[in-house]
Amino acid sequence: MSQPFHYAFFVTDLESTRRFYGEVLGCREGRSTGTWVDFDFFGHQISAHTTGTVPPTQDRGFVDGVAVPMPHFGAVLEWDVFQALAARIRAAGLPFVLEPRLRYEGKPGEQLTMFLLDASGNALEFKAFRNPAELFTA
């Protein structure tokens, strides 16, 4: 794996954040205080903070002819990990902003993708590439 990234963002409360990232997504919790909590987000460090306002999401990004929520963050997963995560999200009864779907079928960069909102309204995208070597293929 390449070096992990760190991303800090705002949430409305830590209880629902812990449920979403910990219980639904399966992210191990790291350090925390009364105003923030870290998670192991598929090998990367994210920090959820309650000390600011969650930015609004808008369906303003267009990818493959589909409006996607912006801003968003997420992770590129292995194909089977993506499928298992989608099943966990469904089992938790959470709605998708964009249901899991295949994008660029039969083309370089063929991928599964799905979008959802966390408990605070932050948009997330998860992807899985048929051929991981095509992550940056134009």
Protein backbone atom coordinates (compact mmCIF):
# COMPACT_ATOMS: atom_id res chain seq x y z
CA MET A 1 0.00 0.00 0.00
CA SER A 2 1.12 3.54 -0.64
CA GLN A 3 1.36 5.99 2.23
CA PRO A 4 -1.97 6.52 3.99
CA PHE A 5 -3.67 9.90 3.79
CA HIS A 6 -5.21 11.90 6.63
CA TYR A 7 -8.51 13.74 6.26
CA ALA A 8 -10.24 15.85 8.94
CA PHE A 9 -13.88 16.90 8.54
CA PHE A 10 -16.86 18.19 10.50
CA VAL A 11 -19.71 16.11 11.92
CA THR A 12 -22.76 17.04 13.96
CA ASP A 13 -22.18 14.58 16.82
CA LEU A 14 -19.81 11.79 17.81
CA GLU A 15 -22.41 9.17 18.79
CA SER A 16 -23.98 8.86 15.33
CA THR A 17 -20.52 9.21 13.76
CA ARG A 18 -19.23 6.25 15.77
CA ARG A 19 -22.25 4.18 14.76
CA PHE A 20 -21.85 4.99 11.05
CA TYR A 21 -18.07 4.69 10.66
CA GLY A 22 -17.52 2.05 13.34
CA GLU A 23 -20.55 -0.22 13.22
CA VAL A 24 -21.79 0.18 9.63
CA LEU A 25 -18.54 0.73 7.73
CA GLY A 26 -16.44 -1.40 10.09
CA CYS A 27 -13.74 1.22 10.73
CA ARG A 28 -11.67 0.70 13.88
CA GLU A 29 -11.72 3.68 16.23
CA GLY A 30 -8.45 5.33 17.20
CA ARG A 31 -7.76 8.29 19.46
CA SER A 32 -10.57 10.61 20.55
CA THR A 33 -11.53 13.47 22.83
CA GLY A 34 -14.87 15.04 23.64
CA THR A 35 -14.87 16.89 20.28
CA TRP A 36 -13.23 14.53 17.77
CA VAL A 37 -12.59 10.89 16.96
CA ASP A 38 -10.13 9.17 14.60
CA PHE A 39 -10.96 6.11 12.50
CA ASP A 40 -8.92 3.64 10.48
CA PHE A 41 -10.72 4.30 7.20
CA PHE A 42 -9.62 1.33 5.07
CA GLY A 43 -5.97 1.94 5.95
CA HIS A 44 -6.19 5.73 6.07
CA GLN A 45 -6.73 8.09 8.99
CA ILE A 46 -9.85 10.22 9.14
CA SER A 47 -10.72 12.58 11.98
CA ALA A 48 -14.31 13.59 12.63
CA HIS A 49 -14.62 16.91 14.50
CA THR A 50 -17.68 18.52 16.09
CA THR A 51 -16.11 22.00 16.24
CA GLY A 52 -17.52 23.44 13.00
CA THR A 53 -20.32 23.35 10.47
CA VAL A 54 -20.74 20.44 8.08
CA PRO A 55 -20.52 21.86 4.53
CA PRO A 56 -23.64 21.27 2.44
CA THR A 57 -23.46 18.71 -0.35
CA GLN A 58 -24.76 19.44 -3.81
CA ASP A 59 -25.29 17.14 -6.78
CA ARG A 60 -22.93 19.27 -8.89
CA GLY A 61 -20.20 16.92 -10.05
CA PHE A 62 -20.94 15.12 -13.32
CA VAL A 63 -19.19 11.80 -13.94
CA ASP A 64 -20.16 9.52 -16.80
CA GLY A 65 -23.33 11.61 -17.26
CA VAL A 66 -24.46 11.19 -13.63
CA ALA A 67 -24.70 14.00 -11.06
CA VAL A 68 -22.65 13.07 -8.00
CA PRO A 69 -22.64 14.80 -4.61
CA MET A 70 -19.88 17.32 -4.00
CA PRO A 71 -17.83 17.58 -1.94
CA HIS A 72 -17.21 13.92 -1.19
CA PHE A 73 -14.45 11.61 -0.05
CA GLY A 74 -14.10 7.87 0.07
CA ALA A 75 -11.93 4.86 -0.58
CA VAL A 76 -10.91 2.59 -3.40
CA LEU A 77 -11.56 -0.98 -2.26
CA GLU A 78 -10.94 -4.47 -3.57
CA TRP A 79 -13.85 -5.85 -5.64
CA ASP A 80 -15.07 -8.31 -2.98
CA VAL A 81 -14.60 -5.79 -0.14
CA PHE A 82 -16.78 -3.33 -2.09
CA GLN A 83 -19.51 -5.98 -2.49
CA ALA A 84 -19.39 -6.85 1.22
CA LEU A 85 -19.55 -3.19 2.22
CA ALA A 86 -22.55 -2.56 -0.04
CA ALA A 87 -24.30 -5.53 1.59
CA ARG A 88 -23.50 -4.17 5.09
CA ILE A 89 -24.89 -0.76 4.17
CA ARG A 90 -28.09 -2.36 2.84
CA ALA A 91 -28.41 -4.57 5.94
CA ALA A 92 -28.15 -1.44 8.11
CA GLY A 93 -31.09 0.01 6.17
CA LEU A 94 -29.16 3.08 5.02
CA PRO A 95 -30.17 4.74 1.76
CA PHE A 96 -27.72 5.26 -1.07
CA VAL A 97 -27.46 8.61 -2.82
CA LEU A 98 -26.39 6.56 -5.85
CA GLU A 99 -26.90 2.80 -5.68
CA PRO A 100 -23.92 0.55 -6.37
CA ARG A 101 -23.41 0.38 -10.12
CA LEU A 102 -20.89 -0.52 -12.77
CA ARG A 103 -19.29 2.46 -14.49
CA TYR A 104 -17.28 2.43 -17.75
CA GLU A 105 -18.27 -1.17 -18.47
CA GLY A 106 -15.87 -2.89 -20.84
CA LYS A 107 -13.59 0.16 -20.96
CA PRO A 108 -10.31 0.98 -19.26
CA GLY A 109 -11.05 2.03 -15.69
CA GLU A 110 -14.16 -0.20 -15.40
CA GLN A 111 -15.32 0.20 -11.81
CA LEU A 112 -18.04 -0.33 -9.27
CA THR A 113 -19.10 2.84 -7.48
CA MET A 114 -21.64 3.86 -4.83
CA PHE A 115 -22.42 7.05 -2.93
CA LEU A 116 -24.05 7.59 0.45
CA LEU A 117 -24.21 10.17 3.22
CA ASP A 118 -22.87 9.69 6.72
CA ALA A 119 -25.03 10.55 9.74
CA SER A 120 -24.00 14.23 9.45
CA GLY A 121 -24.67 14.54 5.71
CA ASN A 122 -21.07 14.20 4.50
CA ALA A 123 -21.01 12.47 1.11
CA LEU A 124 -18.85 9.39 0.61
CA GLU A 125 -17.97 7.43 -2.53
CA PHE A 126 -16.60 3.92 -2.58
CA LYS A 127 -15.06 2.40 -5.70
CA ALA A 128 -13.59 -0.90 -6.83
CA PHE A 129 -11.71 -1.31 -10.09
CA ARG A 130 -12.03 -4.46 -12.20
CA ASN A 131 -8.30 -4.00 -12.91
CA PRO A 132 -6.71 -2.05 -10.02
CA ALA A 133 -3.78 -1.08 -12.28
CA GLU A 134 -6.24 1.14 -14.20
CA LEU A 135 -6.91 3.49 -11.25
CA PHE A 136 -5.34 6.44 -13.09
CA THR A 137 -6.03 5.33 -16.67
CA ALA A 138 -7.23 8.20 -18.83
